[in-house]
Amino acid sequence: MQSQHARFLNMIREEGKHNMFDAANLLIKRFELDLPDARRVLSEWMQTIWASDQHVNESTIRPPSIHERCAWVRKVRMELKLTQKALANILGNAKITVSQWEQFRRVPGEQIIKHMILLLEIKGSRLGKKYGI
């Protein structure tokens, strides 16, 4: 991840107008990255932000809301063209859990988000085909 990417993502986040889980598309438009590179940059940026001790101030960092996480789960599932049952099988969860995430009745944890980012990264690869994505 280059510093220009981090500055751009920080600016978008501070504006508060975009769901940061969808920022990969903004990176593609702004820096002409391909989708896997944009997702990698976004993932690295998110890990840096969440792991950083210097971003304790609430006005500087705002973790994704419950609504953003739940909406992102559905968006990713649809992008991967998976049913709730198929996604649940891949993640090792019950189908009802995926349904509850998408209905904002349950919050997906950090591990689920990380696993779904990995699913996006392997989409179309040989490993992705093994999982039907």
Protein backbone atom coordinates (compact mmCIF):
# COMPACT_ATOMS: atom_id res chain seq x y z
CA MET A 1 0.00 0.00 0.00
CA GLN A 2 1.37 3.37 -0.99
CA SER A 3 1.00 6.51 1.12
CA GLN A 4 -1.20 8.10 -1.55
CA HIS A 5 -3.66 5.21 -1.16
CA ALA A 6 -3.69 5.63 2.61
CA ARG A 7 -4.24 9.39 2.34
CA PHE A 8 -7.09 8.85 -0.11
CA LEU A 9 -8.76 6.22 2.11
CA ASN A 10 -8.35 8.40 5.19
CA MET A 11 -9.96 11.31 3.35
CA ILE A 12 -12.92 9.18 2.25
CA ARG A 13 -13.36 7.84 5.75
CA GLU A 14 -13.30 11.29 7.31
CA GLU A 15 -15.94 12.51 4.84
CA GLY A 16 -18.25 9.77 6.12
CA LYS A 17 -20.17 9.56 2.85
CA HIS A 18 -19.05 6.10 1.75
CA ASN A 19 -19.18 2.63 3.23
CA MET A 20 -15.50 1.80 3.66
CA PHE A 21 -16.10 -1.86 2.82
CA ASP A 22 -16.95 -0.62 -0.69
CA ALA A 23 -13.90 1.65 -1.00
CA ALA A 24 -12.13 -0.81 -3.32
CA ASN A 25 -14.31 0.50 -6.16
CA LEU A 26 -13.23 4.06 -5.35
CA LEU A 27 -9.57 2.99 -5.41
CA ILE A 28 -10.12 1.41 -8.82
CA LYS A 29 -11.60 4.63 -10.20
CA ARG A 30 -9.04 6.97 -8.61
CA PHE A 31 -5.81 4.99 -9.10
CA GLU A 32 -6.74 2.67 -11.98
CA LEU A 33 -5.98 -0.42 -9.90
CA ASP A 34 -7.38 -3.81 -10.77
CA LEU A 35 -9.89 -5.34 -8.35
CA PRO A 36 -7.53 -7.75 -6.52
CA ASP A 37 -4.97 -4.96 -5.96
CA ALA A 38 -7.66 -2.55 -4.77
CA ARG A 39 -8.97 -5.13 -2.29
CA ARG A 40 -5.45 -5.84 -1.07
CA VAL A 41 -4.78 -2.11 -0.54
CA LEU A 42 -8.09 -1.70 1.29
CA SER A 43 -7.46 -4.76 3.45
CA GLU A 44 -3.97 -3.54 4.40
CA TRP A 45 -5.33 -0.08 5.20
CA MET A 46 -8.11 -1.52 7.38
CA GLN A 47 -5.65 -3.72 9.26
CA THR A 48 -3.36 -0.73 9.81
CA ILE A 49 -6.20 1.44 11.09
CA TRP A 50 -7.71 -1.19 13.36
CA ALA A 51 -4.36 -2.32 14.77
CA SER A 52 -2.93 1.13 15.33
CA ASP A 53 -2.66 2.39 18.90
CA GLN A 54 -2.34 5.99 17.78
CA HIS A 55 -5.92 6.13 16.44
CA VAL A 56 -7.71 5.99 19.76
CA ASN A 57 -9.45 9.33 19.35
CA GLU A 58 -13.10 8.73 18.38
CA SER A 59 -13.07 11.62 15.92
CA THR A 60 -10.07 10.11 14.11
CA ILE A 61 -11.31 6.52 13.82
CA ARG A 62 -14.80 5.21 13.47
CA PRO A 63 -15.12 1.43 13.28
CA PRO A 64 -17.65 0.17 10.76
CA SER A 65 -21.16 0.28 12.14
CA ILE A 66 -23.26 -2.83 12.64
CA HIS A 67 -25.34 -1.78 9.65
CA GLU A 68 -22.24 -1.37 7.45
CA ARG A 69 -20.89 -4.78 8.40
CA CYS A 70 -24.20 -6.53 7.81
CA ALA A 71 -24.82 -4.78 4.50
CA TRP A 72 -21.29 -5.65 3.40
CA VAL A 73 -21.84 -9.36 4.16
CA ARG A 74 -24.86 -9.43 1.86
CA LYS A 75 -23.07 -7.46 -0.86
CA VAL A 76 -20.08 -9.81 -0.82
CA ARG A 77 -22.30 -12.90 -0.82
CA MET A 78 -24.16 -11.58 -3.86
CA GLU A 79 -20.90 -10.67 -5.62
CA LEU A 80 -19.60 -14.19 -5.01
CA LYS A 81 -22.92 -15.55 -6.32
CA LEU A 82 -23.37 -17.73 -3.24
CA THR A 83 -26.54 -18.73 -1.49
CA GLN A 84 -26.76 -18.16 2.24
CA LYS A 85 -26.35 -21.90 2.73
CA ALA A 86 -23.23 -22.05 0.51
CA LEU A 87 -21.61 -19.11 2.32
CA ALA A 88 -22.48 -20.67 5.68
CA ASN A 89 -20.84 -23.94 4.62
CA ILE A 90 -17.65 -22.18 3.50
CA LEU A 91 -17.44 -20.14 6.71
CA GLY A 92 -18.41 -23.06 8.96
CA ASN A 93 -21.56 -21.33 10.22
CA ALA A 94 -25.24 -22.22 10.20
CA LYS A 95 -27.40 -20.83 7.38
CA ILE A 96 -29.56 -19.07 9.97
CA THR A 97 -26.48 -17.13 11.12
CA VAL A 98 -25.85 -15.73 7.63
CA SER A 99 -29.53 -14.84 7.39
CA GLN A 100 -29.36 -13.03 10.74
CA TRP A 101 -26.31 -11.04 9.61
CA GLU A 102 -28.10 -9.92 6.48
CA GLN A 103 -31.20 -8.94 8.47
CA PHE A 104 -29.08 -6.90 10.92
CA ARG A 105 -30.11 -9.17 13.79
CA ARG A 106 -26.60 -10.44 14.48
CA VAL A 107 -23.18 -8.86 13.95
CA PRO A 108 -20.48 -10.69 11.97
CA GLY A 109 -17.22 -10.77 13.91
CA GLU A 110 -13.74 -9.76 12.80
CA GLN A 111 -12.83 -13.33 11.77
CA ILE A 112 -15.87 -13.55 9.50
CA ILE A 113 -14.95 -10.25 7.85
CA LYS A 114 -11.37 -11.43 7.33
CA HIS A 115 -12.55 -14.74 5.86
CA MET A 116 -14.91 -12.97 3.50
CA ILE A 117 -12.11 -10.66 2.33
CA LEU A 118 -10.05 -13.76 1.60
CA LEU A 119 -12.97 -15.23 -0.36
CA LEU A 120 -13.03 -12.07 -2.46
CA GLU A 121 -9.30 -12.36 -3.07
CA ILE A 122 -9.47 -15.98 -4.27
CA LYS A 123 -12.53 -15.43 -6.47
CA GLY A 124 -11.85 -16.90 -9.90
CA SER A 125 -8.63 -18.66 -8.84
CA ARG A 126 -8.17 -22.42 -8.72
CA LEU A 127 -8.81 -22.34 -4.99
CA GLY A 128 -11.89 -20.21 -5.57
CA LYS A 129 -13.23 -22.75 -8.02
CA LYS A 130 -12.82 -25.41 -5.35
CA TYR A 131 -15.28 -23.43 -3.21
CA GLY A 132 -17.54 -22.62 -6.14
CA ILE A 133 -16.64 -18.91 -6.36
